[in-house]
Amino acid sequence: MSETGTKHDTGKLDWSAIPLEVLEPLVAVFVAGERKYGYRNCLKPFDNGSRRFFAAAMRHAVKAQADPLSVDEETGCYEEAEAAWNHLMRLHHARMSHAASAADRESVRMRGETG
């Protein structure tokens, strides 16, 4: 008799739901960014990051509006992918900032300080 293993993954993200070929244009943008700015520079904090990532996303979206397959001459990446990438980085930085703020608030609460 063969017994099957137990896996408690109900309610967890199913990463297998992402078809990797859909992400390929984003990978190209990450690689172009690495060449231009350095490895994982996009994860560093940015002054006015939310505004700047949004502005960049919209510049690329405008260029891709008429043709979603238009290519950025500088990077060779799809403008649409660069727009998506900038939206993704804006979201990432907002989440990291929110998490840091929550951690700071919890630290203050644990020390018994008030604002």
PDB file of N, CA and C in Angstrom:
ATOM      1  N   MET A   1       0.835  -1.174   0.000  1.00  0.00           N
ATOM      2  CA  MET A   1       0.000   0.000   0.000  1.00  0.00           C
ATOM      3  C   MET A   1       0.889   1.249   0.000  1.00  0.00           C
ATOM      4  N   SER A   2       0.633   2.147  -0.915  1.00  0.00           N
ATOM      5  CA  SER A   2       1.408   3.369  -1.051  1.00  0.00           C
ATOM      6  C   SER A   2       0.699   4.519  -0.325  1.00  0.00           C
ATOM      7  N   GLU A   3       1.440   5.210   0.496  1.00  0.00           N
ATOM      8  CA  GLU A   3       0.885   6.342   1.227  1.00  0.00           C
ATOM      9  C   GLU A   3       1.386   7.632   0.573  1.00  0.00           C
ATOM     10  N   THR A   4       0.496   8.602   0.408  1.00  0.00           N
ATOM     11  CA  THR A   4       0.907   9.874  -0.189  1.00  0.00           C
ATOM     12  C   THR A   4       1.275  10.855   0.909  1.00  0.00           C
ATOM     13  N   GLY A   5       2.159  11.776   0.555  1.00  0.00           N
ATOM     14  CA  GLY A   5       2.603  12.780   1.515  1.00  0.00           C
ATOM     15  C   GLY A   5       1.546  13.838   1.770  1.00  0.00           C
ATOM     16  N   THR A   6       1.730  14.533   2.838  1.00  0.00           N
ATOM     17  CA  THR A   6       0.834  15.615   3.211  1.00  0.00           C
ATOM     18  C   THR A   6       1.517  16.936   2.901  1.00  0.00           C
ATOM     19  N   LYS A   7       0.762  17.845   2.318  1.00  0.00           N
ATOM     20  CA  LYS A   7       1.284  19.173   1.998  1.00  0.00           C
ATOM     21  C   LYS A   7       0.226  20.190   2.386  1.00  0.00           C
ATOM     22  N   HIS A   8       0.534  21.050   3.336  1.00  0.00           N
ATOM     23  CA  HIS A   8      -0.409  22.067   3.801  1.00  0.00           C
ATOM     24  C   HIS A   8      -0.176  23.359   3.012  1.00  0.00           C
ATOM     25  N   ASP A   9      -0.771  23.430   1.818  1.00  0.00           N
ATOM     26  CA  ASP A   9      -0.574  24.607   0.985  1.00  0.00           C
ATOM     27  C   ASP A   9      -1.877  25.308   0.605  1.00  0.00           C
ATOM     28  N   THR A  10      -2.969  24.920   1.240  1.00  0.00           N
ATOM     29  CA  THR A  10      -4.243  25.583   0.979  1.00  0.00           C
ATOM     30  C   THR A  10      -4.142  27.044   1.404  1.00  0.00           C
ATOM     31  N   GLY A  11      -4.586  27.929   0.538  1.00  0.00           N
ATOM     32  CA  GLY A  11      -4.562  29.356   0.842  1.00  0.00           C
ATOM     33  C   GLY A  11      -3.240  30.044   0.555  1.00  0.00           C
ATOM     34  N   LYS A  12      -2.240  29.296   0.126  1.00  0.00           N
ATOM     35  CA  LYS A  12      -0.938  29.878  -0.201  1.00  0.00           C
ATOM     36  C   LYS A  12      -0.896  30.209  -1.689  1.00  0.00           C
ATOM     37  N   LEU A  13      -0.034  31.157  -2.049  1.00  0.00           N
ATOM     38  CA  LEU A  13       0.110  31.515  -3.457  1.00  0.00           C
ATOM     39  C   LEU A  13       0.592  30.323  -4.270  1.00  0.00           C
ATOM     40  N   ASP A  14      -0.036  30.108  -5.410  1.00  0.00           N
ATOM     41  CA  ASP A  14       0.363  29.021  -6.314  1.00  0.00           C
ATOM     42  C   ASP A  14       1.211  29.613  -7.427  1.00  0.00           C
ATOM     43  N   TRP A  15       2.527  29.615  -7.213  1.00  0.00           N
ATOM     44  CA  TRP A  15       3.448  30.222  -8.174  1.00  0.00           C
ATOM     45  C   TRP A  15       3.438  29.494  -9.515  1.00  0.00           C
ATOM     46  N   SER A  16       2.940  28.289  -9.563  1.00  0.00           N
ATOM     47  CA  SER A  16       2.876  27.574 -10.842  1.00  0.00           C
ATOM     48  C   SER A  16       1.804  28.167 -11.758  1.00  0.00           C
ATOM     49  N   ALA A  17       0.987  29.073 -11.236  1.00  0.00           N
ATOM     50  CA  ALA A  17      -0.052  29.714 -12.057  1.00  0.00           C
ATOM     51  C   ALA A  17       0.528  30.728 -13.041  1.00  0.00           C
ATOM     52  N   ILE A  18       1.780  31.120 -12.846  1.00  0.00           N
ATOM     53  CA  ILE A  18       2.400  32.110 -13.735  1.00  0.00           C
ATOM     54  C   ILE A  18       3.017  31.404 -14.926  1.00  0.00           C
ATOM     55  N   PRO A  19       2.489  31.659 -16.133  1.00  0.00           N
ATOM     56  CA  PRO A  19       3.170  31.120 -17.318  1.00  0.00           C
ATOM     57  C   PRO A  19       4.437  31.957 -17.574  1.00  0.00           C
ATOM     58  N   LEU A  20       5.577  31.347 -17.444  1.00  0.00           N
ATOM     59  CA  LEU A  20       6.836  32.083 -17.500  1.00  0.00           C
ATOM     60  C   LEU A  20       7.050  32.850 -18.798  1.00  0.00           C
ATOM     61  N   GLU A  21       6.502  32.352 -19.892  1.00  0.00           N
ATOM     62  CA  GLU A  21       6.692  33.070 -21.160  1.00  0.00           C
ATOM     63  C   GLU A  21       6.050  34.450 -21.128  1.00  0.00           C
ATOM     64  N   VAL A  22       5.045  34.635 -20.278  1.00  0.00           N
ATOM     65  CA  VAL A  22       4.408  35.945 -20.137  1.00  0.00           C
ATOM     66  C   VAL A  22       5.376  36.929 -19.473  1.00  0.00           C
ATOM     67  N   LEU A  23       6.244  36.427 -18.612  1.00  0.00           N
ATOM     68  CA  LEU A  23       7.183  37.283 -17.890  1.00  0.00           C
ATOM     69  C   LEU A  23       8.447  37.614 -18.679  1.00  0.00           C
ATOM     70  N   GLU A  24       8.664  36.933 -19.789  1.00  0.00           N
ATOM     71  CA  GLU A  24       9.909  37.126 -20.547  1.00  0.00           C
ATOM     72  C   GLU A  24      10.187  38.587 -20.893  1.00  0.00           C
ATOM     73  N   PRO A  25       9.202  39.371 -21.353  1.00  0.00           N
ATOM     74  CA  PRO A  25       9.499  40.784 -21.633  1.00  0.00           C
ATOM     75  C   PRO A  25       9.930  41.567 -20.388  1.00  0.00           C
ATOM     76  N   LEU A  26       9.422  41.199 -19.220  1.00  0.00           N
ATOM     77  CA  LEU A  26       9.854  41.856 -17.982  1.00  0.00           C
ATOM     78  C   LEU A  26      11.289  41.477 -17.636  1.00  0.00           C
ATOM     79  N   VAL A  27      11.653  40.236 -17.876  1.00  0.00           N
ATOM     80  CA  VAL A  27      13.028  39.800 -17.628  1.00  0.00           C
ATOM     81  C   VAL A  27      13.981  40.638 -18.474  1.00  0.00           C
ATOM     82  N   ALA A  28      13.610  40.887 -19.727  1.00  0.00           N
ATOM     83  CA  ALA A  28      14.452  41.707 -20.604  1.00  0.00           C
ATOM     84  C   ALA A  28      14.641  43.109 -20.029  1.00  0.00           C
ATOM     85  N   VAL A  29      13.604  43.664 -19.407  1.00  0.00           N
ATOM     86  CA  VAL A  29      13.706  44.995 -18.803  1.00  0.00           C
ATOM     87  C   VAL A  29      14.633  44.941 -17.582  1.00  0.00           C
ATOM     88  N   PHE A  30      14.507  43.910 -16.756  1.00  0.00           N
ATOM     89  CA  PHE A  30      15.414  43.765 -15.611  1.00  0.00           C
ATOM     90  C   PHE A  30      16.866  43.674 -16.078  1.00  0.00           C
ATOM     91  N   VAL A  31      17.122  42.912 -17.134  1.00  0.00           N
ATOM     92  CA  VAL A  31      18.485  42.748 -17.648  1.00  0.00           C
ATOM     93  C   VAL A  31      19.004  44.071 -18.214  1.00  0.00           C
ATOM     94  N   ALA A  32      18.166  44.796 -18.948  1.00  0.00           N
ATOM     95  CA  ALA A  32      18.577  46.101 -19.479  1.00  0.00           C
ATOM     96  C   ALA A  32      18.889  47.064 -18.338  1.00  0.00           C
ATOM     97  N   GLY A  33      18.089  47.020 -17.281  1.00  0.00           N
ATOM     98  CA  GLY A  33      18.341  47.872 -16.120  1.00  0.00           C
ATOM     99  C   GLY A  33      19.635  47.514 -15.419  1.00  0.00           C
ATOM    100  N   GLU A  34      19.924  46.221 -15.349  1.00  0.00           N
ATOM    101  CA  GLU A  34      21.175  45.785 -14.731  1.00  0.00           C
ATOM    102  C   GLU A  34      22.378  46.310 -15.519  1.00  0.00           C
ATOM    103  N   ARG A  35      22.280  46.239 -16.854  1.00  0.00           N
ATOM    104  CA  ARG A  35      23.380  46.744 -17.690  1.00  0.00           C
ATOM    105  C   ARG A  35      23.580  48.240 -17.483  1.00  0.00           C
ATOM    106  N   LYS A  36      22.497  48.985 -17.370  1.00  0.00           N
ATOM    107  CA  LYS A  36      22.578  50.446 -17.293  1.00  0.00           C
ATOM    108  C   LYS A  36      22.890  50.945 -15.878  1.00  0.00           C
ATOM    109  N   TYR A  37      22.283  50.329 -14.858  1.00  0.00           N
ATOM    110  CA  TYR A  37      22.359  50.866 -13.498  1.00  0.00           C
ATOM    111  C   TYR A  37      23.070  49.973 -12.486  1.00  0.00           C
ATOM    112  N   GLY A  38      23.294  48.705 -12.834  1.00  0.00           N
ATOM    113  CA  GLY A  38      23.924  47.779 -11.890  1.00  0.00           C
ATOM    114  C   GLY A  38      22.920  46.760 -11.371  1.00  0.00           C
ATOM    115  N   TYR A  39      23.464  45.690 -10.837  1.00  0.00           N
ATOM    116  CA  TYR A  39      22.666  44.555 -10.365  1.00  0.00           C
ATOM    117  C   TYR A  39      21.723  44.980  -9.248  1.00  0.00           C
ATOM    118  N   ARG A  40      20.450  44.770  -9.465  1.00  0.00           N
ATOM    119  CA  ARG A  40      19.381  45.017  -8.493  1.00  0.00           C
ATOM    120  C   ARG A  40      19.340  46.432  -7.948  1.00  0.00           C
ATOM    121  N   ASN A  41      19.825  47.382  -8.728  1.00  0.00           N
ATOM    122  CA  ASN A  41      19.713  48.789  -8.348  1.00  0.00           C
ATOM    123  C   ASN A  41      18.258  49.172  -8.117  1.00  0.00           C
ATOM    124  N   CYS A  42      17.360  48.536  -8.839  1.00  0.00           N
ATOM    125  CA  CYS A  42      15.936  48.854  -8.739  1.00  0.00           C
ATOM    126  C   CYS A  42      15.360  48.582  -7.361  1.00  0.00           C
ATOM    127  N   LEU A  43      16.048  47.797  -6.529  1.00  0.00           N
ATOM    128  CA  LEU A  43      15.551  47.481  -5.197  1.00  0.00           C
ATOM    129  C   LEU A  43      16.017  48.477  -4.136  1.00  0.00           C
ATOM    130  N   LYS A  44      16.924  49.366  -4.517  1.00  0.00           N
ATOM    131  CA  LYS A  44      17.398  50.376  -3.572  1.00  0.00           C
ATOM    132  C   LYS A  44      16.315  51.441  -3.375  1.00  0.00           C
ATOM    133  N   PRO A  45      16.349  52.137  -2.238  1.00  0.00           N
ATOM    134  CA  PRO A  45      15.393  53.229  -2.034  1.00  0.00           C
ATOM    135  C   PRO A  45      15.650  54.369  -3.027  1.00  0.00           C
ATOM    136  N   PHE A  46      14.585  55.063  -3.413  1.00  0.00           N
ATOM    137  CA  PHE A  46      14.683  56.185  -4.348  1.00  0.00           C
ATOM    138  C   PHE A  46      13.996  57.408  -3.744  1.00  0.00           C
ATOM    139  N   ASP A  47      14.594  58.577  -3.921  1.00  0.00           N
ATOM    140  CA  ASP A  47      13.909  59.809  -3.557  1.00  0.00           C
ATOM    141  C   ASP A  47      12.721  59.978  -4.485  1.00  0.00           C
ATOM    142  N   ASN A  48      11.566  60.263  -3.926  1.00  0.00           N
ATOM    143  CA  ASN A  48      10.337  60.443  -4.712  1.00  0.00           C
ATOM    144  C   ASN A  48      10.078  59.261  -5.640  1.00  0.00           C
ATOM    145  N   GLY A  49      10.366  58.055  -5.169  1.00  0.00           N
ATOM    146  CA  GLY A  49      10.260  56.861  -6.003  1.00  0.00           C
ATOM    147  C   GLY A  49       8.883  56.641  -6.588  1.00  0.00           C
ATOM    148  N   SER A  50       7.839  56.814  -5.791  1.00  0.00           N
ATOM    149  CA  SER A  50       6.485  56.570  -6.297  1.00  0.00           C
ATOM    150  C   SER A  50       6.175  57.460  -7.492  1.00  0.00           C
ATOM    151  N   ARG A  51       6.466  58.742  -7.342  1.00  0.00           N
ATOM    152  CA  ARG A  51       6.213  59.696  -8.424  1.00  0.00           C
ATOM    153  C   ARG A  51       7.076  59.381  -9.638  1.00  0.00           C
ATOM    154  N   ARG A  52       8.331  59.068  -9.422  1.00  0.00           N
ATOM    155  CA  ARG A  52       9.258  58.847 -10.527  1.00  0.00           C
ATOM    156  C   ARG A  52       8.950  57.561 -11.292  1.00  0.00           C
ATOM    157  N   PHE A  53       8.635  56.465 -10.554  1.00  0.00           N
ATOM    158  CA  PHE A  53       8.267  55.223 -11.234  1.00  0.00           C
ATOM    159  C   PHE A  53       6.950  55.397 -12.004  1.00  0.00           C
ATOM    160  N   PHE A  54       6.001  56.128 -11.406  1.00  0.00           N
ATOM    161  CA  PHE A  54       4.734  56.365 -12.102  1.00  0.00           C
ATOM    162  C   PHE A  54       4.965  57.187 -13.368  1.00  0.00           C
ATOM    163  N   ALA A  55       5.759  58.245 -13.263  1.00  0.00           N
ATOM    164  CA  ALA A  55       6.036  59.093 -14.428  1.00  0.00           C
ATOM    165  C   ALA A  55       6.707  58.287 -15.543  1.00  0.00           C
ATOM    166  N   ALA A  56       7.667  57.445 -15.177  1.00  0.00           N
ATOM    167  CA  ALA A  56       8.349  56.621 -16.182  1.00  0.00           C
ATOM    168  C   ALA A  56       7.375  55.633 -16.817  1.00  0.00           C
ATOM    169  N   ALA A  57       6.523  55.036 -15.989  1.00  0.00           N
ATOM    170  CA  ALA A  57       5.535  54.088 -16.524  1.00  0.00           C
ATOM    171  C   ALA A  57       4.640  54.779 -17.542  1.00  0.00           C
ATOM    172  N   MET A  58       4.207  55.981 -17.235  1.00  0.00           N
ATOM    173  CA  MET A  58       3.302  56.679 -18.138  1.00  0.00           C
ATOM    174  C   MET A  58       4.017  57.119 -19.425  1.00  0.00           C
ATOM    175  N   ARG A  59       5.293  57.503 -19.327  1.00  0.00           N
ATOM    176  CA  ARG A  59       6.045  57.849 -20.549  1.00  0.00           C
ATOM    177  C   ARG A  59       6.111  56.646 -21.478  1.00  0.00           C
ATOM    178  N   HIS A  60       6.393  55.465 -20.926  1.00  0.00           N
ATOM    179  CA  HIS A  60       6.460  54.258 -21.756  1.00  0.00           C
ATOM    180  C   HIS A  60       5.072  53.863 -22.265  1.00  0.00           C
ATOM    181  N   ALA A  61       4.046  54.036 -21.438  1.00  0.00           N
ATOM    182  CA  ALA A  61       2.673  53.700 -21.857  1.00  0.00           C
ATOM    183  C   ALA A  61       2.223  54.572 -23.019  1.00  0.00           C
ATOM    184  N   VAL A  62       2.579  55.851 -22.980  1.00  0.00           N
ATOM    185  CA  VAL A  62       2.217  56.759 -24.076  1.00  0.00           C
ATOM    186  C   VAL A  62       2.863  56.284 -25.371  1.00  0.00           C
ATOM    187  N   LYS A  63       4.121  55.879 -25.293  1.00  0.00           N
ATOM    188  CA  LYS A  63       4.816  55.402 -26.494  1.00  0.00           C
ATOM    189  C   LYS A  63       4.215  54.094 -27.003  1.00  0.00           C
ATOM    190  N   ALA A  64       3.661  53.283 -26.096  1.00  0.00           N
ATOM    191  CA  ALA A  64       3.096  51.984 -26.481  1.00  0.00           C
ATOM    192  C   ALA A  64       1.607  52.060 -26.805  1.00  0.00           C
ATOM    193  N   GLN A  65       0.995  53.224 -26.607  1.00  0.00           N
ATOM    194  CA  GLN A  65      -0.456  53.334 -26.753  1.00  0.00           C
ATOM    195  C   GLN A  65      -0.940  52.912 -28.137  1.00  0.00           C
ATOM    196  N   ALA A  66      -0.303  53.382 -29.166  1.00  0.00           N
ATOM    197  CA  ALA A  66      -0.741  53.061 -30.531  1.00  0.00           C
ATOM    198  C   ALA A  66      -0.282  51.671 -30.966  1.00  0.00           C
ATOM    199  N   ASP A  67       0.855  51.226 -30.422  1.00  0.00           N
ATOM    200  CA  ASP A  67       1.411  49.934 -30.831  1.00  0.00           C
ATOM    201  C   ASP A  67       2.019  49.232 -29.626  1.00  0.00           C
ATOM    202  N   PRO A  68       1.345  48.227 -29.069  1.00  0.00           N
ATOM    203  CA  PRO A  68       1.887  47.550 -27.886  1.00  0.00           C
ATOM    204  C   PRO A  68       3.200  46.811 -28.148  1.00  0.00           C
ATOM    205  N   LEU A  69       3.572  46.666 -29.406  1.00  0.00           N
ATOM    206  CA  LEU A  69       4.839  46.006 -29.740  1.00  0.00           C
ATOM    207  C   LEU A  69       5.952  47.002 -30.051  1.00  0.00           C
ATOM    208  N   SER A  70       5.712  48.292 -29.771  1.00  0.00           N
ATOM    209  CA  SER A  70       6.765  49.281 -30.021  1.00  0.00           C
ATOM    210  C   SER A  70       7.945  49.005 -29.095  1.00  0.00           C
ATOM    211  N   VAL A  71       9.138  49.285 -29.595  1.00  0.00           N
ATOM    212  CA  VAL A  71      10.376  48.941 -28.889  1.00  0.00           C
ATOM    213  C   VAL A  71      11.136  50.213 -28.530  1.00  0.00           C
ATOM    214  N   ASP A  72      11.637  50.252 -27.326  1.00  0.00           N
ATOM    215  CA  ASP A  72      12.474  51.353 -26.850  1.00  0.00           C
ATOM    216  C   ASP A  72      13.823  51.244 -27.565  1.00  0.00           C
ATOM    217  N   GLU A  73      14.200  52.282 -28.289  1.00  0.00           N
ATOM    218  CA  GLU A  73      15.445  52.243 -29.069  1.00  0.00           C
ATOM    219  C   GLU A  73      16.677  52.077 -28.180  1.00  0.00           C
ATOM    220  N   GLU A  74      16.659  52.664 -26.977  1.00  0.00           N
ATOM    221  CA  GLU A  74      17.826  52.605 -26.100  1.00  0.00           C
ATOM    222  C   GLU A  74      18.048  51.204 -25.533  1.00  0.00           C
ATOM    223  N   THR A  75      16.971  50.544 -25.102  1.00  0.00           N
ATOM    224  CA  THR A  75      17.123  49.259 -24.408  1.00  0.00           C
ATOM    225  C   THR A  75      16.838  48.051 -25.280  1.00  0.00           C
ATOM    226  N   GLY A  76      16.053  48.247 -26.334  1.00  0.00           N
ATOM    227  CA  GLY A  76      15.618  47.122 -27.154  1.00  0.00           C
ATOM    228  C   GLY A  76      14.450  46.372 -26.549  1.00  0.00           C
ATOM    229  N   CYS A  77      13.890  46.905 -25.462  1.00  0.00           N
ATOM    230  CA  CYS A  77      12.760  46.264 -24.781  1.00  0.00           C
ATOM    231  C   CYS A  77      11.445  46.854 -25.286  1.00  0.00           C
ATOM    232  N   TYR A  78      10.381  46.081 -25.127  1.00  0.00           N
ATOM    233  CA  TYR A  78       9.059  46.596 -25.450  1.00  0.00           C
ATOM    234  C   TYR A  78       8.720  47.749 -24.506  1.00  0.00           C
ATOM    235  N   GLU A  79       8.191  48.836 -25.067  1.00  0.00           N
ATOM    236  CA  GLU A  79       7.755  49.972 -24.250  1.00  0.00           C
ATOM    237  C   GLU A  79       6.688  49.527 -23.249  1.00  0.00           C
ATOM    238  N   GLU A  80       5.793  48.650 -23.681  1.00  0.00           N
ATOM    239  CA  GLU A  80       4.722  48.159 -22.806  1.00  0.00           C
ATOM    240  C   GLU A  80       5.302  47.410 -21.613  1.00  0.00           C
ATOM    241  N   ALA A  81       6.355  46.625 -21.834  1.00  0.00           N
ATOM    242  CA  ALA A  81       7.004  45.900 -20.742  1.00  0.00           C
ATOM    243  C   ALA A  81       7.689  46.872 -19.791  1.00  0.00           C
ATOM    244  N   GLU A  82       8.265  47.928 -20.332  1.00  0.00           N
ATOM    245  CA  GLU A  82       8.906  48.921 -19.476  1.00  0.00           C
ATOM    246  C   GLU A  82       7.868  49.668 -18.640  1.00  0.00           C
ATOM    247  N   ALA A  83       6.703  49.921 -19.216  1.00  0.00           N
ATOM    248  CA  ALA A  83       5.615  50.533 -18.443  1.00  0.00           C
ATOM    249  C   ALA A  83       5.203  49.599 -17.301  1.00  0.00           C
ATOM    250  N   ALA A  84       5.001  48.332 -17.618  1.00  0.00           N
ATOM    251  CA  ALA A  84       4.610  47.351 -16.601  1.00  0.00           C
ATOM    252  C   ALA A  84       5.679  47.233 -15.522  1.00  0.00           C
ATOM    253  N   TRP A  85       6.930  47.219 -15.928  1.00  0.00           N
ATOM    254  CA  TRP A  85       8.041  47.109 -14.987  1.00  0.00           C
ATOM    255  C   TRP A  85       8.026  48.280 -14.001  1.00  0.00           C
ATOM    256  N   ASN A  86       7.829  49.487 -14.509  1.00  0.00           N
ATOM    257  CA  ASN A  86       7.811  50.656 -13.632  1.00  0.00           C
ATOM    258  C   ASN A  86       6.628  50.624 -12.666  1.00  0.00           C
ATOM    259  N   HIS A  87       5.480  50.156 -13.123  1.00  0.00           N
ATOM    260  CA  HIS A  87       4.339  49.994 -12.217  1.00  0.00           C
ATOM    261  C   HIS A  87       4.672  48.955 -11.140  1.00  0.00           C
ATOM    262  N   LEU A  88       5.314  47.870 -11.540  1.00  0.00           N
ATOM    263  CA  LEU A  88       5.691  46.816 -10.606  1.00  0.00           C
ATOM    264  C   LEU A  88       6.681  47.334  -9.566  1.00  0.00           C
ATOM    265  N   MET A  89       7.657  48.117  -9.976  1.00  0.00           N
ATOM    266  CA  MET A  89       8.635  48.681  -9.044  1.00  0.00           C
ATOM    267  C   MET A  89       7.976  49.694  -8.110  1.00  0.00           C
ATOM    268  N   ARG A  90       7.015  50.454  -8.628  1.00  0.00           N
ATOM    269  CA  ARG A  90       6.283  51.403  -7.779  1.00  0.00           C
ATOM    270  C   ARG A  90       5.535  50.640  -6.684  1.00  0.00           C
ATOM    271  N   LEU A  91       4.875  49.572  -7.063  1.00  0.00           N
ATOM    272  CA  LEU A  91       4.158  48.737  -6.099  1.00  0.00           C
ATOM    273  C   LEU A  91       5.124  48.117  -5.093  1.00  0.00           C
ATOM    274  N   HIS A  92       6.225  47.582  -5.581  1.00  0.00           N
ATOM    275  CA  HIS A  92       7.214  46.953  -4.704  1.00  0.00           C
ATOM    276  C   HIS A  92       7.708  47.946  -3.646  1.00  0.00           C
ATOM    277  N   HIS A  93       8.096  49.136  -4.081  1.00  0.00           N
ATOM    278  CA  HIS A  93       8.625  50.125  -3.144  1.00  0.00           C
ATOM    279  C   HIS A  93       7.556  50.604  -2.165  1.00  0.00           C
ATOM    280  N   ALA A  94       6.324  50.723  -2.615  1.00  0.00           N
ATOM    281  CA  ALA A  94       5.233  51.108  -1.713  1.00  0.00           C
ATOM    282  C   ALA A  94       5.036  50.028  -0.646  1.00  0.00           C
ATOM    283  N   ARG A  95       5.083  48.770  -1.049  1.00  0.00           N
ATOM    284  CA  ARG A  95       4.924  47.662  -0.092  1.00  0.00           C
ATOM    285  C   ARG A  95       6.079  47.634   0.902  1.00  0.00           C
ATOM    286  N   MET A  96       7.309  47.854   0.431  1.00  0.00           N
ATOM    287  CA  MET A  96       8.462  47.845   1.321  1.00  0.00           C
ATOM    288  C   MET A  96       8.391  49.016   2.303  1.00  0.00           C
ATOM    289  N   SER A  97       7.982  50.166   1.825  1.00  0.00           N
ATOM    290  CA  SER A  97       7.850  51.343   2.684  1.00  0.00           C
ATOM    291  C   SER A  97       6.768  51.118   3.737  1.00  0.00           C
ATOM    292  N   HIS A  98       5.659  50.540   3.323  1.00  0.00           N
ATOM    293  CA  HIS A  98       4.566  50.263   4.250  1.00  0.00           C
ATOM    294  C   HIS A  98       5.013  49.259   5.307  1.00  0.00           C
ATOM    295  N   ALA A  99       5.715  48.229   4.894  1.00  0.00           N
ATOM    296  CA  ALA A  99       6.201  47.210   5.836  1.00  0.00           C
ATOM    297  C   ALA A  99       7.193  47.826   6.817  1.00  0.00           C
ATOM    298  N   ALA A 100       8.072  48.694   6.326  1.00  0.00           N
ATOM    299  CA  ALA A 100       9.048  49.346   7.201  1.00  0.00           C
ATOM    300  C   ALA A 100       8.338  50.253   8.200  1.00  0.00           C
ATOM    301  N   SER A 101       7.332  50.983   7.753  1.00  0.00           N
ATOM    302  CA  SER A 101       6.575  51.860   8.648  1.00  0.00           C
ATOM    303  C   SER A 101       5.854  51.057   9.711  1.00  0.00           C
ATOM    304  N   ALA A 102       5.271  49.939   9.311  1.00  0.00           N
ATOM    305  CA  ALA A 102       4.570  49.081  10.270  1.00  0.00           C
ATOM    306  C   ALA A 102       5.547  48.515  11.297  1.00  0.00           C
ATOM    307  N   ALA A 103       6.734  48.123  10.835  1.00  0.00           N
ATOM    308  CA  ALA A 103       7.749  47.594  11.750  1.00  0.00           C
ATOM    309  C   ALA A 103       8.209  48.682  12.720  1.00  0.00           C
ATOM    310  N   ASP A 104       8.372  49.906  12.213  1.00  0.00           N
ATOM    311  CA  ASP A 104       8.761  51.022  13.080  1.00  0.00           C
ATOM    312  C   ASP A 104       7.695  51.280  14.137  1.00  0.00           C
ATOM    313  N   ARG A 105       6.422  51.265  13.728  1.00  0.00           N
ATOM    314  CA  ARG A 105       5.327  51.483  14.677  1.00  0.00           C
ATOM    315  C   ARG A 105       5.306  50.382  15.730  1.00  0.00           C
ATOM    316  N   GLU A 106       5.521  49.143  15.315  1.00  0.00           N
ATOM    317  CA  GLU A 106       5.522  48.029  16.255  1.00  0.00           C
ATOM    318  C   GLU A 106       6.689  48.143  17.230  1.00  0.00           C
ATOM    319  N   SER A 107       7.845  48.559  16.732  1.00  0.00           N
ATOM    320  CA  SER A 107       9.008  48.721  17.592  1.00  0.00           C
ATOM    321  C   SER A 107       8.734  49.782  18.655  1.00  0.00           C
ATOM    322  N   VAL A 108       8.138  50.884  18.272  1.00  0.00           N
ATOM    323  CA  VAL A 108       7.800  51.946  19.210  1.00  0.00           C
ATOM    324  C   VAL A 108       6.780  51.423  20.226  1.00  0.00           C
ATOM    325  N   ARG A 109       5.784  50.689  19.758  1.00  0.00           N
ATOM    326  CA  ARG A 109       4.765  50.132  20.658  1.00  0.00           C
ATOM    327  C   ARG A 109       5.398  49.190  21.678  1.00  0.00           C
ATOM    328  N   MET A 110       6.326  48.348  21.202  1.00  0.00           N
ATOM    329  CA  MET A 110       6.962  47.372  22.094  1.00  0.00           C
ATOM    330  C   MET A 110       7.823  48.073  23.168  1.00  0.00           C
ATOM    331  N   ARG A 111       8.386  49.220  22.840  1.00  0.00           N
ATOM    332  CA  ARG A 111       9.206  49.965  23.809  1.00  0.00           C
ATOM    333  C   ARG A 111       8.329  50.811  24.724  1.00  0.00           C
ATOM    334  N   GLY A 112       7.030  50.896  24.418  1.00  0.00           N
ATOM    335  CA  GLY A 112       6.114  51.654  25.261  1.00  0.00           C
ATOM    336  C   GLY A 112       6.152  53.146  25.018  1.00  0.00           C
ATOM    337  N   GLU A 113       6.720  53.556  23.866  1.00  0.00           N
ATOM    338  CA  GLU A 113       6.787  54.974  23.528  1.00  0.00           C
ATOM    339  C   GLU A 113       5.467  55.419  22.919  1.00  0.00           C
ATOM    340  N   THR A 114       5.189  56.675  23.043  1.00  0.00           N
ATOM    341  CA  THR A 114       3.987  57.250  22.413  1.00  0.00           C
ATOM    342  C   THR A 114       4.400  58.418  21.541  1.00  0.00           C
ATOM    343  N   GLY A 115       3.537  58.713  20.552  1.00  0.00           N
ATOM    344  CA  GLY A 115       3.884  59.776  19.611  1.00  0.00           C
ATOM    345  C   GLY A 115       3.301  61.075  19.907  1.00  0.00           C
TER     346      GLY A 115
END
